[in-house]
Amino acid sequence: MNHNLPENSVLDAELQLALKVADSADLVSLAGFTSRDFSVMRKPDKSEVTEIDRATETAITNILRTERPEHSVYGEEHGIVGPSDAKFQWVIDPIDGTSNFVRGVPVWASLIALVYNDVPILGVVSAPAMRMRWWAHLGGEAFYNSAPIRVSAIDTMRHASLSITLNKPWRDLDSSGSLEKLQRDVSRVRGYGDFWQHMLVAQGVVDLAIDSIGLAPYDIAALMPIVQQAGGRCTDRLGTSNWRANSLVTSNSLLHDATLAYLPK
């Protein structure tokens, strides 16, 4: 156990709280998704948001502020709530995949992370419309729907399965066509998108996932402990492990350096 991290008993207790919070989030988000009774607004950055996003974050924050008043909460919709100098901070994306949510695609999830001294120490990813949930803390295994998971053992690019989310910032960077070459050099390419591609890496059913450029901390923090505890590796496109970066590359570890070598800098 890393002595810079809390004891496993503390991690276990915080994980149980995070799973309880995910249950409450699921009740709010899934009811909204099923009813289709919501309006869609645009935030200043032009991204979509619904009142379900905000209600889900409020449900999460209310529990965390009641159960852990000494912790702070950093959410996509409401910013930072609680003590500004807290060693523990919950980092929340109430609905990752809002565009899918709006269109009726079930690939969306609540992302719940706990960060301690700027290190994400646990993550829960709950996708109730798909009946899927993943979780881990840094003192134990990673789980998918209560079963332990492990990354794949694929060690050559030509046998690898890749999920990639290309957006304009990637295309603007890639004047040499290296991303196209990467897609030609692997065995299979799909675009599962958002949180899901990284959880598939953790499960060992996808070997590499490259997210869009333009991510925020709450898009990344919950994913990292799960991928890491499943034996995978998480970095930004430059190779730095940083939950505050604007990009995310996950892999089974064996293929990570080879993948980064393709990426435009």
Protein backbone atom coordinates (compact mmCIF):
# COMPACT_ATOMS: atom_id res chain seq x y z
CA MET A 1 0.00 0.00 0.00
CA ASN A 2 1.25 3.47 -0.87
CA HIS A 3 1.79 5.30 2.43
CA ASN A 4 0.79 8.56 0.76
CA LEU A 5 -2.72 7.15 0.37
CA PRO A 6 -5.40 6.44 2.97
CA GLU A 7 -5.57 3.00 4.59
CA ASN A 8 -7.55 0.31 2.78
CA SER A 9 -10.26 0.46 5.45
CA VAL A 10 -10.78 4.13 4.60
CA LEU A 11 -10.80 3.40 0.87
CA ASP A 12 -13.33 0.60 1.39
CA ALA A 13 -15.64 2.92 3.36
CA GLU A 14 -15.40 5.70 0.80
CA LEU A 15 -16.09 3.23 -2.02
CA GLN A 16 -19.23 2.03 -0.25
CA LEU A 17 -20.37 5.63 0.00
CA ALA A 18 -19.61 6.20 -3.68
CA LEU A 19 -21.68 3.14 -4.64
CA LYS A 20 -24.56 4.43 -2.49
CA VAL A 21 -24.26 7.80 -4.22
CA ALA A 22 -24.31 6.07 -7.61
CA ASP A 23 -27.56 4.30 -6.67
CA SER A 24 -29.17 7.67 -5.92
CA ALA A 25 -27.80 9.21 -9.09
CA ASP A 26 -29.19 6.32 -11.14
CA LEU A 27 -32.69 6.86 -9.77
CA VAL A 28 -32.72 10.48 -10.93
CA SER A 29 -30.94 10.09 -14.27
CA LEU A 30 -32.69 6.92 -15.43
CA ALA A 31 -36.14 8.31 -14.60
CA GLY A 32 -35.37 11.36 -16.72
CA PHE A 33 -33.94 9.29 -19.56
CA THR A 34 -36.94 6.96 -19.58
CA SER A 35 -39.58 9.69 -19.41
CA ARG A 36 -37.93 11.84 -22.13
CA ASP A 37 -39.53 14.77 -20.30
CA PHE A 38 -36.74 17.34 -20.20
CA SER A 39 -35.57 20.43 -22.01
CA VAL A 40 -32.13 20.87 -23.55
CA MET A 41 -30.05 24.02 -23.10
CA ARG A 42 -26.65 25.10 -24.35
CA LYS A 43 -23.87 26.10 -21.99
CA PRO A 44 -21.44 28.89 -22.90
CA ASP A 45 -19.09 26.31 -24.47
CA LYS A 46 -22.01 25.18 -26.70
CA SER A 47 -22.23 21.75 -25.04
CA GLU A 48 -25.66 20.41 -24.19
CA VAL A 49 -27.09 20.26 -20.68
CA THR A 50 -30.48 19.24 -19.31
CA GLU A 51 -32.21 19.76 -16.01
CA ILE A 52 -31.59 16.02 -15.44
CA ASP A 53 -27.82 16.67 -15.43
CA ARG A 54 -28.31 19.33 -12.79
CA ALA A 55 -30.78 17.31 -10.71
CA THR A 56 -28.46 14.30 -10.77
CA GLU A 57 -25.50 16.37 -9.62
CA THR A 58 -27.62 17.92 -6.87
CA ALA A 59 -28.67 14.45 -5.65
CA ILE A 60 -25.01 13.36 -5.57
CA THR A 61 -23.79 16.53 -3.88
CA ASN A 62 -26.49 16.49 -1.23
CA ILE A 63 -25.50 13.02 -0.04
CA LEU A 64 -21.78 13.76 -0.09
CA ARG A 65 -22.14 17.06 1.77
CA THR A 66 -24.29 15.32 4.41
CA GLU A 67 -22.09 12.25 4.80
CA ARG A 68 -18.69 13.95 4.37
CA PRO A 69 -19.00 17.66 5.29
CA GLU A 70 -15.22 17.91 5.61
CA HIS A 71 -14.80 16.94 1.93
CA SER A 72 -15.33 19.22 -1.06
CA VAL A 73 -17.27 18.37 -4.22
CA TYR A 74 -16.24 19.48 -7.70
CA GLY A 75 -19.02 18.93 -10.21
CA GLU A 76 -19.47 19.76 -13.86
CA GLU A 77 -22.68 21.71 -13.34
CA HIS A 78 -22.26 23.42 -9.93
CA GLY A 79 -18.49 23.86 -9.61
CA ILE A 80 -16.79 23.45 -6.23
CA VAL A 81 -18.90 23.11 -3.09
CA GLY A 82 -17.52 22.72 0.43
CA PRO A 83 -14.18 23.58 2.08
CA SER A 84 -11.64 24.91 -0.41
CA ASP A 85 -8.69 23.37 1.48
CA ALA A 86 -10.13 19.85 1.79
CA LYS A 87 -7.65 16.98 1.33
CA PHE A 88 -10.49 14.88 -0.08
CA GLN A 89 -12.43 16.12 -3.09
CA TRP A 90 -15.21 14.31 -4.90
CA VAL A 91 -15.08 14.95 -8.64
CA ILE A 92 -18.40 14.42 -10.37
CA ASP A 93 -19.75 14.27 -13.91
CA PRO A 94 -23.48 13.67 -13.34
CA ILE A 95 -24.11 12.54 -16.93
CA ASP A 96 -21.11 11.78 -19.12
CA GLY A 97 -22.54 11.44 -22.61
CA THR A 98 -25.28 14.08 -22.42
CA SER A 99 -25.59 14.16 -26.22
CA ASN A 100 -26.37 10.43 -26.16
CA PHE A 101 -28.79 10.97 -23.28
CA VAL A 102 -30.60 13.69 -25.25
CA ARG A 103 -30.94 11.54 -28.37
CA GLY A 104 -32.09 8.43 -26.49
CA VAL A 105 -28.83 6.48 -26.86
CA PRO A 106 -28.24 4.52 -23.62
CA VAL A 107 -24.46 5.08 -23.58
CA TRP A 108 -24.16 7.61 -20.74
CA ALA A 109 -23.06 7.34 -17.13
CA SER A 110 -22.53 9.12 -13.85
CA LEU A 111 -18.82 9.43 -13.08
CA ILE A 112 -17.94 9.63 -9.37
CA ALA A 113 -14.32 9.99 -8.26
CA LEU A 114 -12.63 10.70 -4.96
CA VAL A 115 -9.35 12.62 -5.18
CA TYR A 116 -6.93 12.70 -2.23
CA ASN A 117 -4.00 15.12 -2.28
CA ASP A 118 -4.60 15.53 -6.02
CA VAL A 119 -4.56 11.77 -6.78
CA PRO A 120 -7.78 10.01 -7.93
CA ILE A 121 -8.02 7.18 -5.39
CA LEU A 122 -11.37 5.67 -6.33
CA GLY A 123 -13.82 5.73 -9.18
CA VAL A 124 -17.36 4.58 -9.85
CA VAL A 125 -18.85 4.65 -13.34
CA SER A 126 -22.56 3.87 -13.37
CA ALA A 127 -24.45 3.46 -16.64
CA PRO A 128 -27.99 2.52 -15.54
CA ALA A 129 -29.59 2.53 -18.99
CA MET A 130 -27.12 -0.22 -19.97
CA ARG A 131 -27.29 -1.91 -16.53
CA MET A 132 -23.54 -1.58 -16.29
CA ARG A 133 -21.36 -0.36 -13.44
CA TRP A 134 -17.59 -0.34 -12.90
CA TRP A 135 -15.62 0.57 -9.79
CA ALA A 136 -12.23 0.39 -8.11
CA HIS A 137 -10.05 1.98 -5.46
CA LEU A 138 -6.27 2.07 -5.38
CA GLY A 139 -6.05 -0.59 -2.69
CA GLY A 140 -7.87 -3.36 -4.55
CA GLU A 141 -9.17 -4.89 -7.75
CA ALA A 142 -11.36 -3.33 -10.41
CA PHE A 143 -14.89 -4.62 -10.88
CA TYR A 144 -17.60 -4.69 -13.54
CA ASN A 145 -21.08 -5.57 -12.21
CA SER A 146 -19.41 -7.18 -9.16
CA ALA A 147 -17.01 -9.39 -11.20
CA PRO A 148 -13.25 -8.65 -11.09
CA ILE A 149 -11.85 -7.39 -14.39
CA ARG A 150 -8.42 -7.33 -15.99
CA VAL A 151 -6.98 -5.73 -19.10
CA SER A 152 -6.04 -7.83 -22.13
CA ALA A 153 -2.68 -9.45 -22.86
CA ILE A 154 -2.54 -8.35 -26.52
CA ASP A 155 1.01 -7.12 -27.13
CA THR A 156 1.14 -6.31 -30.86
CA MET A 157 -0.57 -3.44 -32.64
CA ARG A 158 -1.64 -5.64 -35.54
CA HIS A 159 -3.76 -7.74 -33.19
CA ALA A 160 -5.13 -4.79 -31.22
CA SER A 161 -8.70 -3.51 -30.96
CA LEU A 162 -8.85 0.29 -30.85
CA SER A 163 -11.64 2.68 -29.90
CA ILE A 164 -11.00 6.24 -31.00
CA THR A 165 -12.98 9.47 -30.76
CA LEU A 166 -11.67 11.85 -33.38
CA ASN A 167 -12.70 15.50 -33.16
CA LYS A 168 -11.60 18.75 -34.76
CA PRO A 169 -8.67 19.42 -32.37
CA TRP A 170 -7.23 15.99 -33.23
CA ARG A 171 -7.65 16.58 -36.95
CA ASP A 172 -6.11 20.05 -36.66
CA LEU A 173 -3.03 18.55 -34.99
CA ASP A 174 -2.69 15.61 -37.35
CA SER A 175 -1.25 17.18 -40.49
CA SER A 176 0.85 14.07 -41.22
CA GLY A 177 -2.02 11.56 -41.10
CA SER A 178 -0.54 9.56 -38.22
CA LEU A 179 -3.94 8.80 -36.70
CA GLU A 180 -5.10 7.32 -39.99
CA LYS A 181 -1.94 5.18 -40.05
CA LEU A 182 -2.66 4.00 -36.49
CA GLN A 183 -6.15 2.92 -37.54
CA ARG A 184 -4.71 0.98 -40.48
CA ASP A 185 -2.08 -0.71 -38.31
CA VAL A 186 -4.45 -2.21 -35.73
CA SER A 187 -6.78 -5.18 -36.19
CA ARG A 188 -10.10 -3.49 -35.43
CA VAL A 189 -11.33 0.10 -35.02
CA ARG A 190 -14.56 1.22 -33.38
CA GLY A 191 -15.77 4.40 -31.72
CA TYR A 192 -17.51 3.39 -28.50
CA GLY A 193 -17.00 6.88 -27.13
CA ASP A 194 -16.95 8.73 -23.83
CA PHE A 195 -16.45 6.65 -20.64
CA TRP A 196 -17.42 3.35 -22.27
CA GLN A 197 -14.34 2.87 -24.42
CA HIS A 198 -12.08 3.21 -21.38
CA MET A 199 -14.16 0.79 -19.32
CA LEU A 200 -13.94 -1.71 -22.19
CA VAL A 201 -10.16 -1.37 -21.96
CA ALA A 202 -10.39 -2.13 -18.23
CA GLN A 203 -12.51 -5.20 -19.00
CA GLY A 204 -9.94 -6.49 -21.49
CA VAL A 205 -12.31 -6.51 -24.46
CA VAL A 206 -10.73 -3.44 -26.12
CA ASP A 207 -6.97 -2.92 -26.00
CA LEU A 208 -6.60 0.82 -26.66
CA ALA A 209 -8.86 3.86 -26.32
CA ILE A 210 -8.12 7.39 -27.50
CA ASP A 211 -10.54 10.08 -26.39
CA SER A 212 -11.28 13.43 -27.97
CA ILE A 213 -9.17 16.46 -27.11
CA GLY A 214 -11.07 18.92 -24.93
CA LEU A 215 -11.88 16.78 -21.91
CA ALA A 216 -12.32 18.23 -18.42
CA PRO A 217 -11.08 16.80 -15.08
CA TYR A 218 -14.51 15.37 -14.24
CA ASP A 219 -14.42 13.39 -17.52
CA ILE A 220 -11.20 11.65 -16.46
CA ALA A 221 -10.87 11.34 -12.67
CA ALA A 222 -13.27 8.42 -12.12
CA LEU A 223 -11.90 6.42 -15.05
CA MET A 224 -8.26 6.37 -13.98
CA PRO A 225 -8.43 4.20 -10.82
CA ILE A 226 -10.59 1.63 -12.62
CA VAL A 227 -8.27 1.27 -15.60
CA GLN A 228 -5.18 1.32 -13.39
CA GLN A 229 -6.44 -1.31 -10.93
CA ALA A 230 -7.39 -3.53 -13.87
CA GLY A 231 -3.74 -3.42 -14.93
CA GLY A 232 -4.05 -0.71 -17.56
CA ARG A 233 -2.37 2.61 -18.10
CA CYS A 234 -3.90 6.11 -18.40
CA THR A 235 -2.12 9.17 -19.72
CA ASP A 236 -2.82 12.25 -21.75
CA ARG A 237 -1.72 12.33 -25.39
CA LEU A 238 1.76 13.46 -24.30
CA GLY A 239 2.26 10.48 -22.00
CA THR A 240 1.67 12.20 -18.65
CA SER A 241 -0.62 10.66 -16.05
CA ASN A 242 -2.79 13.68 -15.28
CA TRP A 243 -6.49 13.73 -14.43
CA ARG A 244 -6.55 17.45 -15.16
CA ALA A 245 -5.36 17.03 -18.76
CA ASN A 246 -7.58 17.74 -21.78
CA SER A 247 -7.02 14.34 -23.41
CA LEU A 248 -7.03 10.70 -22.34
CA VAL A 249 -5.40 7.60 -23.74
CA THR A 250 -5.98 4.26 -22.00
CA SER A 251 -4.47 0.90 -22.82
CA ASN A 252 -3.67 -2.55 -21.51
CA SER A 253 -0.21 -1.08 -20.63
CA LEU A 254 1.57 -3.38 -23.11
CA LEU A 255 0.64 -1.21 -26.10
CA HIS A 256 0.73 2.22 -24.50
CA ASP A 257 4.12 3.51 -25.61
CA ALA A 258 3.56 2.19 -29.13
CA THR A 259 0.22 4.02 -29.26
CA LEU A 260 1.64 7.29 -28.00
CA ALA A 261 4.29 7.15 -30.72
CA TYR A 262 1.56 7.53 -33.33
CA LEU A 263 -0.13 10.50 -31.71
CA PRO A 264 0.46 14.00 -33.06
CA LYS A 265 1.91 16.31 -30.42
